[in-house]
Amino acid sequence: MPHWAMVIDLDKCVGCQSCSAACQAENNVLFVGPEQAELGRAIFWNEVFCHIEGEYPHVKATIVPRPCFHCENPPCVKVCPVGATYKREEDGLVLQRYERCIGCRYCAVACPYGARYFTWHAPEWPEGMDRYQNPDVLLRPVGIVEKCTFCIHRLEKGLPIPACNQACPADARYFGDLDDPNSEVSQLARSPRALRLLEDLGTEPRVFYLKEGA
């Protein structure tokens, strides 16, 4: 099977957050209001961070989208006491067995990228929005941890890319088999521009970034 990986070109990313919106809709990610968001309870399987430097008109924005990195050496798997978090060996995806999760949040603490989220509330949608739920993705119960799956339900249906890649208007995202030396993802991951976040931790993330201005 393919060993899935993602490459994000920071020179192309415009920070529009289409990836975040597509991810929320595709994966039935829970809505939260502003009060819960202020308490740090917002859930973003794919979050876009923006750091602003300087003062107008001399301003520089650094934009970094962050899905789950599906690490080769995932610390979240090692700390889970019940085997709810696991790495699927055939394709390298780091996944969650929701029915096993006890909500201890050890995995959320262990993840150095902040890519895991606790569900503080049972899934609720504003009236009318329930019609947009994706029947291919389970609704997560209250009290468990969830995260990006690289849209595993799409991959298992033969769709070639996650929803965030498909939604990107700037074509800043690439997805494919890292083990195929001829794939675009594999070639970009070996580019001089390629980097991975916090590589010194030894997690070996399978999300690569292409540096800006290189």
N, C-alpha and C. Protein backbone atom coordinates (compact mmCIF):
# COMPACT_ATOMS: atom_id res chain seq x y z
N MET A 1 0.83 -1.20 0.00
CA MET A 1 0.00 0.00 0.00
C MET A 1 0.86 1.25 0.00
N PRO A 2 0.33 2.37 -0.48
CA PRO A 2 1.09 3.64 -0.43
C PRO A 2 1.41 4.03 1.00
N HIS A 3 2.53 4.69 1.19
CA HIS A 3 2.91 5.27 2.48
C HIS A 3 2.62 6.76 2.37
N TRP A 4 1.47 7.16 2.87
CA TRP A 4 0.95 8.50 2.60
C TRP A 4 1.76 9.60 3.26
N ALA A 5 1.92 10.71 2.55
CA ALA A 5 2.61 11.89 3.07
C ALA A 5 2.04 13.13 2.39
N MET A 6 2.29 14.28 3.01
CA MET A 6 1.80 15.56 2.48
C MET A 6 2.94 16.56 2.43
N VAL A 7 2.92 17.39 1.41
CA VAL A 7 3.88 18.50 1.28
C VAL A 7 3.07 19.78 1.14
N ILE A 8 3.46 20.82 1.89
CA ILE A 8 2.78 22.12 1.83
C ILE A 8 3.80 23.17 1.45
N ASP A 9 3.54 23.86 0.36
CA ASP A 9 4.44 24.90 -0.15
C ASP A 9 4.08 26.24 0.50
N LEU A 10 4.93 26.71 1.40
CA LEU A 10 4.66 27.95 2.13
C LEU A 10 4.77 29.18 1.24
N ASP A 11 5.43 29.05 0.10
CA ASP A 11 5.47 30.16 -0.85
C ASP A 11 4.14 30.35 -1.55
N LYS A 12 3.38 29.27 -1.69
CA LYS A 12 2.09 29.34 -2.38
C LYS A 12 0.92 29.62 -1.44
N CYS A 13 1.04 29.17 -0.20
CA CYS A 13 -0.08 29.30 0.75
C CYS A 13 -0.40 30.78 0.99
N VAL A 14 -1.69 31.12 0.86
CA VAL A 14 -2.13 32.51 1.05
C VAL A 14 -2.89 32.69 2.37
N GLY A 15 -3.01 31.63 3.15
CA GLY A 15 -3.67 31.75 4.45
C GLY A 15 -5.17 31.95 4.36
N CYS A 16 -5.80 31.50 3.29
CA CYS A 16 -7.24 31.73 3.11
C CYS A 16 -8.09 30.85 4.02
N GLN A 17 -7.52 29.77 4.55
CA GLN A 17 -8.18 28.83 5.44
C GLN A 17 -9.25 27.99 4.76
N SER A 18 -9.18 27.91 3.42
CA SER A 18 -10.08 26.99 2.72
C SER A 18 -9.85 25.55 3.18
N CYS A 19 -8.60 25.23 3.47
CA CYS A 19 -8.28 23.88 3.94
C CYS A 19 -8.99 23.58 5.26
N SER A 20 -8.99 24.55 6.16
CA SER A 20 -9.65 24.36 7.46
C SER A 20 -11.16 24.19 7.29
N ALA A 21 -11.76 25.02 6.44
CA ALA A 21 -13.20 24.95 6.23
C ALA A 21 -13.59 23.63 5.59
N ALA A 22 -12.81 23.20 4.60
CA ALA A 22 -13.11 21.93 3.93
C ALA A 22 -12.97 20.76 4.88
N CYS A 23 -11.96 20.82 5.73
CA CYS A 23 -11.73 19.76 6.71
C CYS A 23 -12.88 19.68 7.70
N GLN A 24 -13.34 20.83 8.19
CA GLN A 24 -14.45 20.86 9.14
C GLN A 24 -15.68 20.20 8.55
N ALA A 25 -16.00 20.57 7.30
CA ALA A 25 -17.20 20.05 6.66
C ALA A 25 -17.07 18.57 6.33
N GLU A 26 -15.92 18.19 5.81
CA GLU A 26 -15.71 16.80 5.37
C GLU A 26 -15.74 15.82 6.53
N ASN A 27 -15.24 16.25 7.70
CA ASN A 27 -15.04 15.32 8.82
C ASN A 27 -15.98 15.54 9.99
N ASN A 28 -17.07 16.26 9.76
CA ASN A 28 -18.07 16.48 10.81
C ASN A 28 -17.44 17.00 12.10
N VAL A 29 -16.55 17.97 11.95
CA VAL A 29 -15.88 18.53 13.12
C VAL A 29 -16.86 19.43 13.87
N LEU A 30 -16.87 19.29 15.17
CA LEU A 30 -17.85 19.94 16.04
C LEU A 30 -17.78 21.47 15.97
N PHE A 31 -18.96 22.10 15.88
CA PHE A 31 -19.04 23.55 16.00
C PHE A 31 -18.91 23.95 17.46
N VAL A 32 -18.21 25.04 17.72
CA VAL A 32 -18.21 25.63 19.06
C VAL A 32 -18.43 27.13 18.92
N GLY A 33 -19.03 27.72 19.93
CA GLY A 33 -19.27 29.16 19.91
C GLY A 33 -18.07 29.93 20.42
N PRO A 34 -18.15 31.26 20.39
CA PRO A 34 -17.03 32.10 20.80
C PRO A 34 -16.65 31.91 22.27
N GLU A 35 -17.62 31.64 23.11
CA GLU A 35 -17.30 31.46 24.54
C GLU A 35 -16.45 30.21 24.74
N GLN A 36 -16.81 29.12 24.09
CA GLN A 36 -16.03 27.89 24.20
C GLN A 36 -14.67 28.04 23.53
N ALA A 37 -14.63 28.79 22.44
CA ALA A 37 -13.34 29.02 21.76
C ALA A 37 -12.38 29.78 22.67
N GLU A 38 -12.91 30.74 23.42
CA GLU A 38 -12.06 31.50 24.34
C GLU A 38 -11.49 30.61 25.44
N LEU A 39 -12.18 29.52 25.74
CA LEU A 39 -11.71 28.57 26.74
C LEU A 39 -10.74 27.53 26.15
N GLY A 40 -10.42 27.71 24.87
CA GLY A 40 -9.50 26.79 24.22
C GLY A 40 -10.14 25.49 23.78
N ARG A 41 -11.44 25.50 23.56
CA ARG A 41 -12.15 24.27 23.23
C ARG A 41 -12.56 24.18 21.77
N ALA A 42 -12.05 25.07 20.93
CA ALA A 42 -12.30 24.97 19.50
C ALA A 42 -11.51 23.78 18.94
N ILE A 43 -12.08 23.14 17.93
CA ILE A 43 -11.46 21.96 17.32
C ILE A 43 -11.15 22.27 15.87
N PHE A 44 -9.88 22.15 15.51
CA PHE A 44 -9.44 22.35 14.14
C PHE A 44 -8.51 21.20 13.76
N TRP A 45 -9.02 20.23 13.03
CA TRP A 45 -8.14 19.15 12.58
C TRP A 45 -7.05 19.70 11.67
N ASN A 46 -7.37 20.76 10.97
CA ASN A 46 -6.39 21.41 10.11
C ASN A 46 -6.42 22.90 10.46
N GLU A 47 -5.41 23.35 11.17
CA GLU A 47 -5.38 24.73 11.66
C GLU A 47 -4.35 25.54 10.88
N VAL A 48 -4.66 26.81 10.65
CA VAL A 48 -3.73 27.70 9.94
C VAL A 48 -3.25 28.76 10.91
N PHE A 49 -1.94 28.79 11.14
CA PHE A 49 -1.34 29.76 12.05
C PHE A 49 -0.74 30.91 11.23
N CYS A 50 -0.88 32.11 11.75
CA CYS A 50 -0.34 33.28 11.06
C CYS A 50 0.42 34.14 12.07
N HIS A 51 1.69 34.40 11.77
CA HIS A 51 2.52 35.25 12.64
C HIS A 51 2.86 36.52 11.87
N ILE A 52 2.52 37.67 12.47
CA ILE A 52 2.73 38.97 11.82
C ILE A 52 3.96 39.65 12.43
N GLU A 53 4.84 40.12 11.57
CA GLU A 53 6.02 40.86 12.02
C GLU A 53 6.02 42.24 11.37
N GLY A 54 6.51 43.23 12.12
CA GLY A 54 6.64 44.59 11.57
C GLY A 54 5.41 45.42 11.81
N GLU A 55 5.45 46.65 11.28
CA GLU A 55 4.33 47.58 11.38
C GLU A 55 3.97 48.07 9.99
N TYR A 56 2.69 48.35 9.82
CA TYR A 56 2.19 48.82 8.53
C TYR A 56 2.94 50.08 8.09
N PRO A 57 3.36 50.17 6.82
CA PRO A 57 3.09 49.23 5.72
C PRO A 57 4.17 48.17 5.55
N HIS A 58 5.12 48.11 6.43
CA HIS A 58 6.22 47.14 6.31
C HIS A 58 5.91 45.93 7.18
N VAL A 59 5.06 45.07 6.66
CA VAL A 59 4.54 43.93 7.42
C VAL A 59 4.86 42.64 6.67
N LYS A 60 5.26 41.65 7.44
CA LYS A 60 5.48 40.32 6.88
C LYS A 60 4.65 39.31 7.65
N ALA A 61 3.90 38.48 6.92
CA ALA A 61 3.09 37.44 7.55
C ALA A 61 3.69 36.08 7.23
N THR A 62 3.89 35.28 8.27
CA THR A 62 4.33 33.91 8.09
C THR A 62 3.13 33.01 8.36
N ILE A 63 2.74 32.25 7.36
CA ILE A 63 1.53 31.43 7.43
C ILE A 63 1.94 29.96 7.40
N VAL A 64 1.46 29.20 8.37
CA VAL A 64 1.81 27.78 8.46
C VAL A 64 0.54 26.98 8.74
N PRO A 65 0.03 26.24 7.75
CA PRO A 65 -1.06 25.31 8.02
C PRO A 65 -0.54 24.10 8.78
N ARG A 66 -1.37 23.53 9.67
CA ARG A 66 -0.93 22.40 10.47
C ARG A 66 -2.02 21.33 10.59
N PRO A 67 -1.90 20.26 9.80
CA PRO A 67 -2.73 19.08 10.03
C PRO A 67 -2.05 18.19 11.07
N CYS A 68 -2.57 16.99 11.28
CA CYS A 68 -1.79 16.00 12.02
C CYS A 68 -0.63 15.58 11.13
N PHE A 69 0.52 15.33 11.72
CA PHE A 69 1.72 15.03 10.93
C PHE A 69 1.93 13.54 10.68
N HIS A 70 1.09 12.69 11.25
CA HIS A 70 1.17 11.24 11.00
C HIS A 70 2.61 10.76 11.06
N CYS A 71 3.21 10.97 12.21
CA CYS A 71 4.65 10.75 12.40
C CYS A 71 5.03 9.27 12.22
N GLU A 72 6.23 9.06 11.72
CA GLU A 72 6.78 7.71 11.65
C GLU A 72 7.03 7.17 13.05
N ASN A 73 7.37 8.06 13.96
CA ASN A 73 7.65 7.66 15.35
C ASN A 73 6.74 8.48 16.26
N PRO A 74 5.44 8.17 16.29
CA PRO A 74 4.47 9.04 16.96
C PRO A 74 4.47 8.88 18.48
N PRO A 75 4.78 9.94 19.21
CA PRO A 75 4.75 9.85 20.68
C PRO A 75 3.36 9.61 21.23
N CYS A 76 2.33 10.03 20.49
CA CYS A 76 0.96 9.85 20.97
C CYS A 76 0.61 8.37 21.11
N VAL A 77 1.14 7.54 20.21
CA VAL A 77 0.87 6.11 20.26
C VAL A 77 1.51 5.48 21.49
N LYS A 78 2.71 5.92 21.81
CA LYS A 78 3.46 5.32 22.92
C LYS A 78 2.79 5.56 24.27
N VAL A 79 2.10 6.70 24.43
CA VAL A 79 1.57 7.03 25.75
C VAL A 79 0.13 6.57 25.96
N CYS A 80 -0.56 6.14 24.91
CA CYS A 80 -1.96 5.75 25.06
C CYS A 80 -2.06 4.47 25.89
N PRO A 81 -2.75 4.50 27.04
CA PRO A 81 -2.78 3.32 27.92
C PRO A 81 -3.74 2.23 27.48
N VAL A 82 -4.59 2.51 26.50
CA VAL A 82 -5.62 1.52 26.12
C VAL A 82 -5.55 1.13 24.64
N GLY A 83 -4.53 1.59 23.93
CA GLY A 83 -4.40 1.23 22.52
C GLY A 83 -5.41 1.90 21.63
N ALA A 84 -5.97 3.03 22.08
CA ALA A 84 -6.92 3.74 21.24
C ALA A 84 -6.22 4.47 20.10
N THR A 85 -5.03 4.96 20.36
CA THR A 85 -4.22 5.59 19.33
C THR A 85 -3.24 4.56 18.79
N TYR A 86 -3.20 4.41 17.48
CA TYR A 86 -2.34 3.40 16.89
C TYR A 86 -1.83 3.86 15.53
N LYS A 87 -0.75 3.26 15.10
CA LYS A 87 -0.19 3.53 13.77
C LYS A 87 -0.48 2.34 12.88
N ARG A 88 -1.12 2.59 11.76
CA ARG A 88 -1.44 1.51 10.83
C ARG A 88 -0.22 1.22 9.96
N GLU A 89 0.34 0.05 10.13
CA GLU A 89 1.63 -0.25 9.53
C GLU A 89 1.58 -0.29 8.01
N GLU A 90 0.43 -0.69 7.44
CA GLU A 90 0.40 -0.85 5.98
C GLU A 90 0.54 0.47 5.23
N ASP A 91 0.07 1.58 5.81
CA ASP A 91 0.20 2.85 5.10
C ASP A 91 0.76 3.97 5.97
N GLY A 92 1.07 3.67 7.25
CA GLY A 92 1.71 4.65 8.11
C GLY A 92 0.79 5.66 8.76
N LEU A 93 -0.53 5.57 8.53
CA LEU A 93 -1.44 6.54 9.11
C LEU A 93 -1.55 6.34 10.63
N VAL A 94 -1.59 7.44 11.36
CA VAL A 94 -1.80 7.41 12.81
C VAL A 94 -3.28 7.70 13.04
N LEU A 95 -3.98 6.72 13.62
CA LEU A 95 -5.43 6.77 13.71
C LEU A 95 -5.90 6.59 15.14
N GLN A 96 -7.22 6.73 15.32
CA GLN A 96 -7.83 6.70 16.65
C GLN A 96 -9.01 5.74 16.65
N ARG A 97 -9.02 4.82 17.63
CA ARG A 97 -10.19 3.97 17.85
C ARG A 97 -11.07 4.69 18.88
N TYR A 98 -12.10 5.35 18.40
CA TYR A 98 -12.92 6.18 19.28
C TYR A 98 -13.58 5.35 20.38
N GLU A 99 -13.95 4.12 20.05
CA GLU A 99 -14.66 3.30 21.03
C GLU A 99 -13.77 2.87 22.19
N ARG A 100 -12.45 2.95 22.00
CA ARG A 100 -11.52 2.58 23.07
C ARG A 100 -11.07 3.79 23.90
N CYS A 101 -11.14 4.96 23.32
CA CYS A 101 -10.57 6.15 23.97
C CYS A 101 -11.28 6.42 25.29
N ILE A 102 -10.50 6.64 26.33
CA ILE A 102 -11.06 6.94 27.66
C ILE A 102 -10.92 8.42 28.02
N GLY A 103 -10.42 9.21 27.10
CA GLY A 103 -10.35 10.65 27.33
C GLY A 103 -9.29 11.10 28.30
N CYS A 104 -8.25 10.30 28.50
CA CYS A 104 -7.22 10.69 29.47
C CYS A 104 -6.36 11.84 28.97
N ARG A 105 -6.32 12.03 27.66
CA ARG A 105 -5.61 13.13 27.00
C ARG A 105 -4.08 13.02 27.10
N TYR A 106 -3.57 11.85 27.43
CA TYR A 106 -2.13 11.67 27.41
C TYR A 106 -1.58 11.96 26.02
N CYS A 107 -2.31 11.52 24.99
CA CYS A 107 -1.85 11.71 23.61
C CYS A 107 -1.77 13.19 23.26
N ALA A 108 -2.75 13.97 23.73
CA ALA A 108 -2.76 15.41 23.45
C ALA A 108 -1.56 16.10 24.09
N VAL A 109 -1.19 15.65 25.29
CA VAL A 109 -0.03 16.21 25.97
C VAL A 109 1.26 15.79 25.26
N ALA A 110 1.30 14.54 24.79
CA ALA A 110 2.51 14.01 24.17
C ALA A 110 2.77 14.59 22.79
N CYS A 111 1.72 14.99 22.08
CA CYS A 111 1.89 15.51 20.71
C CYS A 111 2.58 16.87 20.76
N PRO A 112 3.78 16.99 20.16
CA PRO A 112 4.50 18.27 20.23
C PRO A 112 3.94 19.31 19.26
N TYR A 113 2.98 18.92 18.44
CA TYR A 113 2.45 19.82 17.41
C TYR A 113 1.06 20.35 17.75
N GLY A 114 0.50 19.93 18.87
CA GLY A 114 -0.82 20.42 19.26
C GLY A 114 -1.92 20.01 18.32
N ALA A 115 -1.81 18.81 17.76
CA ALA A 115 -2.73 18.40 16.70
C ALA A 115 -3.88 17.53 17.18
N ARG A 116 -4.03 17.41 18.50
CA ARG A 116 -5.10 16.56 19.04
C ARG A 116 -6.05 17.40 19.89
N TYR A 117 -7.34 17.01 19.84
CA TYR A 117 -8.38 17.81 20.47
C TYR A 117 -9.32 16.95 21.29
N PHE A 118 -9.66 17.43 22.47
CA PHE A 118 -10.62 16.76 23.34
C PHE A 118 -12.02 17.26 23.02
N THR A 119 -12.98 16.35 22.97
CA THR A 119 -14.37 16.74 22.70
C THR A 119 -15.08 17.03 24.02
N TRP A 120 -15.27 18.29 24.28
CA TRP A 120 -15.88 18.72 25.53
C TRP A 120 -17.39 18.59 25.51
N HIS A 121 -17.98 18.46 24.33
CA HIS A 121 -19.43 18.41 24.22
C HIS A 121 -19.84 17.33 23.23
N ALA A 122 -21.03 16.82 23.41
CA ALA A 122 -21.61 15.92 22.42
C ALA A 122 -21.84 16.70 21.13
N PRO A 123 -21.76 16.03 19.98
CA PRO A 123 -21.90 16.75 18.72
C PRO A 123 -23.28 17.38 18.56
N GLU A 124 -23.29 18.68 18.29
CA GLU A 124 -24.52 19.41 18.04
C GLU A 124 -24.30 20.34 16.85
N TRP A 125 -25.32 20.50 16.03
CA TRP A 125 -25.23 21.39 14.88
C TRP A 125 -26.42 22.35 14.89
N PRO A 126 -26.20 23.59 14.48
CA PRO A 126 -27.33 24.52 14.35
C PRO A 126 -28.38 23.95 13.41
N GLU A 127 -29.61 24.33 13.61
CA GLU A 127 -30.71 23.81 12.80
C GLU A 127 -30.42 24.03 11.32
N GLY A 128 -30.57 23.00 10.56
CA GLY A 128 -30.30 23.04 9.12
C GLY A 128 -28.92 22.56 8.75
N MET A 129 -27.94 22.78 9.64
CA MET A 129 -26.57 22.37 9.34
C MET A 129 -26.40 20.85 9.41
N ASP A 130 -27.32 20.18 10.13
CA ASP A 130 -27.21 18.72 10.23
C ASP A 130 -27.37 18.05 8.87
N ARG A 131 -27.96 18.74 7.91
CA ARG A 131 -28.11 18.17 6.57
C ARG A 131 -26.78 18.06 5.84
N TYR A 132 -25.77 18.73 6.36
CA TYR A 132 -24.47 18.73 5.69
C TYR A 132 -23.49 17.72 6.32
N GLN A 133 -23.97 16.91 7.26
CA GLN A 133 -23.09 15.92 7.86
C GLN A 133 -22.68 14.88 6.83
N ASN A 134 -21.41 14.47 6.92
CA ASN A 134 -20.87 13.47 6.00
C ASN A 134 -21.16 12.08 6.55
N PRO A 135 -21.96 11.27 5.86
CA PRO A 135 -22.29 9.94 6.39
C PRO A 135 -21.11 8.99 6.41
N ASP A 136 -20.02 9.34 5.73
CA ASP A 136 -18.84 8.47 5.69
C ASP A 136 -17.94 8.63 6.91
N VAL A 137 -18.23 9.64 7.76
CA VAL A 137 -17.36 9.92 8.91
C VAL A 137 -18.18 9.83 10.19
N LEU A 138 -17.70 9.05 11.14
CA LEU A 138 -18.39 8.88 12.41
C LEU A 138 -18.47 10.20 13.17
N LEU A 139 -19.59 10.41 13.88
CA LEU A 139 -19.69 11.52 14.82
C LEU A 139 -19.02 11.08 16.11
N ARG A 140 -18.10 11.89 16.60
CA ARG A 140 -17.37 11.51 17.80
C ARG A 140 -18.19 11.85 19.06
N PRO A 141 -18.18 10.97 20.05
CA PRO A 141 -18.92 11.23 21.29
C PRO A 141 -18.17 12.21 22.18
N VAL A 142 -18.84 12.70 23.19
CA VAL A 142 -18.21 13.57 24.17
C VAL A 142 -17.17 12.78 24.97
N GLY A 143 -16.08 13.45 25.34
CA GLY A 143 -15.12 12.86 26.25
C GLY A 143 -14.03 12.03 25.62
N ILE A 144 -13.83 12.16 24.30
CA ILE A 144 -12.74 11.43 23.67
C ILE A 144 -11.82 12.44 22.95
N VAL A 145 -10.71 11.94 22.40
CA VAL A 145 -9.77 12.79 21.67
C VAL A 145 -9.88 12.47 20.18
N GLU A 146 -9.79 13.49 19.35
CA GLU A 146 -9.87 13.30 17.90
C GLU A 146 -8.82 14.14 17.21
N LYS A 147 -8.63 13.85 15.91
CA LYS A 147 -7.61 14.56 15.13
C LYS A 147 -7.77 14.26 13.65
N CYS A 148 -6.95 14.92 12.85
CA CYS A 148 -6.88 14.70 11.40
C CYS A 148 -6.52 13.25 11.08
N THR A 149 -7.19 12.69 10.08
CA THR A 149 -6.94 11.31 9.64
C THR A 149 -6.39 11.23 8.23
N PHE A 150 -6.00 12.38 7.64
CA PHE A 150 -5.68 12.43 6.21
C PHE A 150 -6.89 12.00 5.37
N CYS A 151 -8.10 12.20 5.92
CA CYS A 151 -9.34 11.80 5.24
C CYS A 151 -9.26 10.33 4.81
N ILE A 152 -9.07 9.45 5.77
CA ILE A 152 -8.91 8.03 5.48
C ILE A 152 -10.12 7.46 4.74
N HIS A 153 -11.30 8.00 5.01
CA HIS A 153 -12.50 7.50 4.33
C HIS A 153 -12.45 7.77 2.84
N ARG A 154 -11.83 8.88 2.44
CA ARG A 154 -11.67 9.19 1.02
C ARG A 154 -10.62 8.27 0.38
N LEU A 155 -9.51 8.08 1.08
CA LEU A 155 -8.45 7.23 0.55
C LEU A 155 -8.94 5.80 0.34
N GLU A 156 -9.73 5.31 1.28
CA GLU A 156 -10.23 3.94 1.18
C GLU A 156 -11.27 3.77 0.07
N LYS A 157 -11.84 4.89 -0.36
CA LYS A 157 -12.76 4.85 -1.50
C LYS A 157 -12.05 5.06 -2.84
N GLY A 158 -10.74 5.26 -2.78
CA GLY A 158 -9.98 5.46 -4.00
C GLY A 158 -9.83 6.90 -4.42
N LEU A 159 -10.33 7.85 -3.60
CA LEU A 159 -10.12 9.26 -3.90
C LEU A 159 -8.66 9.60 -3.58
N PRO A 160 -7.97 10.33 -4.45
CA PRO A 160 -6.52 10.43 -4.34
C PRO A 160 -5.99 11.41 -3.30
N ILE A 161 -6.82 12.31 -2.79
CA ILE A 161 -6.30 13.35 -1.90
C ILE A 161 -7.31 13.66 -0.80
N PRO A 162 -6.84 14.17 0.35
CA PRO A 162 -7.75 14.64 1.41
C PRO A 162 -8.51 15.89 0.97
N ALA A 163 -9.55 16.21 1.71
CA ALA A 163 -10.39 17.36 1.37
C ALA A 163 -9.62 18.67 1.40
N CYS A 164 -8.67 18.80 2.32
CA CYS A 164 -7.92 20.06 2.42
C CYS A 164 -7.10 20.31 1.14
N ASN A 165 -6.54 19.26 0.58
CA ASN A 165 -5.78 19.42 -0.66
C ASN A 165 -6.69 19.82 -1.81
N GLN A 166 -7.84 19.18 -1.89
CA GLN A 166 -8.76 19.46 -2.98
C GLN A 166 -9.28 20.89 -2.92
N ALA A 167 -9.43 21.43 -1.70
CA ALA A 167 -10.02 22.75 -1.54
C ALA A 167 -9.01 23.88 -1.72
N CYS A 168 -7.73 23.60 -1.70
CA CYS A 168 -6.72 24.67 -1.73
C CYS A 168 -6.73 25.41 -3.07
N PRO A 169 -7.08 26.71 -3.10
CA PRO A 169 -7.16 27.44 -4.37
C PRO A 169 -5.80 27.80 -4.94
N ALA A 170 -4.76 27.72 -4.11
CA ALA A 170 -3.42 28.10 -4.57
C ALA A 170 -2.57 26.90 -4.95
N ASP A 171 -3.16 25.71 -4.90
CA ASP A 171 -2.41 24.47 -5.20
C ASP A 171 -1.14 24.39 -4.37
N ALA A 172 -1.27 24.72 -3.09
CA ALA A 172 -0.10 24.73 -2.21
C ALA A 172 0.15 23.38 -1.54
N ARG A 173 -0.75 22.44 -1.74
CA ARG A 173 -0.64 21.15 -1.06
C ARG A 173 -0.46 20.02 -2.07
N TYR A 174 0.35 19.06 -1.65
CA TYR A 174 0.60 17.88 -2.47
C TYR A 174 0.43 16.66 -1.57
N PHE A 175 -0.06 15.58 -2.15
CA PHE A 175 -0.33 14.38 -1.36
C PHE A 175 -0.04 13.15 -2.20
N GLY A 176 0.57 12.15 -1.58
CA GLY A 176 0.84 10.95 -2.33
C GLY A 176 1.70 9.97 -1.56
N ASP A 177 2.28 9.04 -2.31
CA ASP A 177 3.04 7.94 -1.74
C ASP A 177 4.50 8.34 -1.56
N LEU A 178 4.92 8.43 -0.31
CA LEU A 178 6.30 8.83 -0.01
C LEU A 178 7.30 7.75 -0.43
N ASP A 179 6.86 6.50 -0.50
CA ASP A 179 7.76 5.41 -0.86
C ASP A 179 7.97 5.27 -2.36
N ASP A 180 7.17 5.96 -3.15
CA ASP A 180 7.32 5.92 -4.60
C ASP A 180 8.29 7.03 -5.02
N PRO A 181 9.51 6.69 -5.43
CA PRO A 181 10.50 7.73 -5.75
C PRO A 181 10.10 8.61 -6.92
N ASN A 182 9.12 8.17 -7.70
CA ASN A 182 8.68 8.96 -8.85
C ASN A 182 7.47 9.84 -8.54
N SER A 183 6.90 9.70 -7.34
CA SER A 183 5.74 10.53 -7.00
C SER A 183 6.17 11.96 -6.75
N GLU A 184 5.25 12.89 -6.99
CA GLU A 184 5.55 14.30 -6.78
C GLU A 184 5.87 14.58 -5.32
N VAL A 185 5.13 13.95 -4.41
CA VAL A 185 5.37 14.14 -2.98
C VAL A 185 6.76 13.67 -2.59
N SER A 186 7.15 12.51 -3.08
CA SER A 186 8.47 11.96 -2.76
C SER A 186 9.58 12.88 -3.27
N GLN A 187 9.43 13.38 -4.47
CA GLN A 187 10.45 14.26 -5.04
C GLN A 187 10.52 15.59 -4.30
N LEU A 188 9.36 16.16 -3.94
CA LEU A 188 9.34 17.43 -3.22
C LEU A 188 9.91 17.27 -1.81
N ALA A 189 9.66 16.12 -1.18
CA ALA A 189 10.18 15.88 0.16
C ALA A 189 11.70 15.81 0.18
N ARG A 190 12.30 15.52 -0.97
CA ARG A 190 13.77 15.47 -1.08
C ARG A 190 14.35 16.79 -1.60
N SER A 191 13.49 17.77 -1.80
CA SER A 191 13.93 19.07 -2.32
C SER A 191 14.80 19.81 -1.30
N PRO A 192 15.74 20.64 -1.74
CA PRO A 192 16.51 21.48 -0.80
C PRO A 192 15.64 22.43 0.00
N ARG A 193 14.45 22.71 -0.50
CA ARG A 193 13.52 23.59 0.22
C ARG A 193 12.76 22.87 1.32
N ALA A 194 12.79 21.56 1.34
CA ALA A 194 11.94 20.78 2.24
C ALA A 194 12.46 20.82 3.68
N LEU A 195 11.52 20.92 4.60
CA LEU A 195 11.84 20.83 6.03
C LEU A 195 10.67 20.21 6.76
N ARG A 196 10.94 19.72 7.97
CA ARG A 196 9.90 19.20 8.84
C ARG A 196 10.02 19.89 10.20
N LEU A 197 8.89 20.12 10.83
CA LEU A 197 8.88 20.83 12.11
C LEU A 197 9.43 19.95 13.23
N LEU A 198 10.26 20.56 14.08
CA LEU A 198 10.79 19.90 15.27
C LEU A 198 11.43 18.56 14.95
N GLU A 199 12.24 18.54 13.89
CA GLU A 199 12.88 17.30 13.49
C GLU A 199 13.79 16.73 14.57
N ASP A 200 14.33 17.60 15.42
CA ASP A 200 15.25 17.14 16.45
C ASP A 200 14.58 16.25 17.49
N LEU A 201 13.25 16.21 17.52
CA LEU A 201 12.55 15.37 18.48
C LEU A 201 12.51 13.90 18.04
N GLY A 202 12.83 13.64 16.79
CA GLY A 202 12.84 12.27 16.31
C GLY A 202 11.48 11.70 15.98
N THR A 203 10.46 12.56 15.83
CA THR A 203 9.12 12.07 15.51
C THR A 203 8.98 11.68 14.04
N GLU A 204 9.83 12.23 13.19
CA GLU A 204 9.81 11.96 11.74
C GLU A 204 8.43 12.19 11.14
N PRO A 205 7.94 13.41 11.21
CA PRO A 205 6.61 13.71 10.65
C PRO A 205 6.56 13.48 9.14
N ARG A 206 5.40 13.06 8.66
CA ARG A 206 5.21 12.84 7.23
C ARG A 206 4.43 13.98 6.58
N VAL A 207 4.50 15.14 7.19
CA VAL A 207 4.09 16.39 6.56
C VAL A 207 5.36 17.22 6.39
N PHE A 208 5.66 17.57 5.16
CA PHE A 208 6.84 18.35 4.84
C PHE A 208 6.40 19.75 4.41
N TYR A 209 7.24 20.74 4.69
CA TYR A 209 7.01 22.10 4.23
C TYR A 209 8.10 22.49 3.26
N LEU A 210 7.73 23.28 2.25
CA LEU A 210 8.70 23.88 1.36
C LEU A 210 8.91 25.31 1.80
N LYS A 211 10.14 25.66 2.13
CA LYS A 211 10.46 26.97 2.71
C LYS A 211 10.09 28.11 1.77
N GLU A 212 9.73 29.22 2.39
CA GLU A 212 9.43 30.44 1.63
C GLU A 212 10.70 31.04 1.06
N GLY A 213 10.58 31.64 -0.10
CA GLY A 213 11.66 32.43 -0.70
C GLY A 213 12.92 31.65 -1.01
N ALA A 214 12.81 30.34 -1.08
CA ALA A 214 14.02 29.54 -1.35
C ALA A 214 14.15 29.24 -2.83
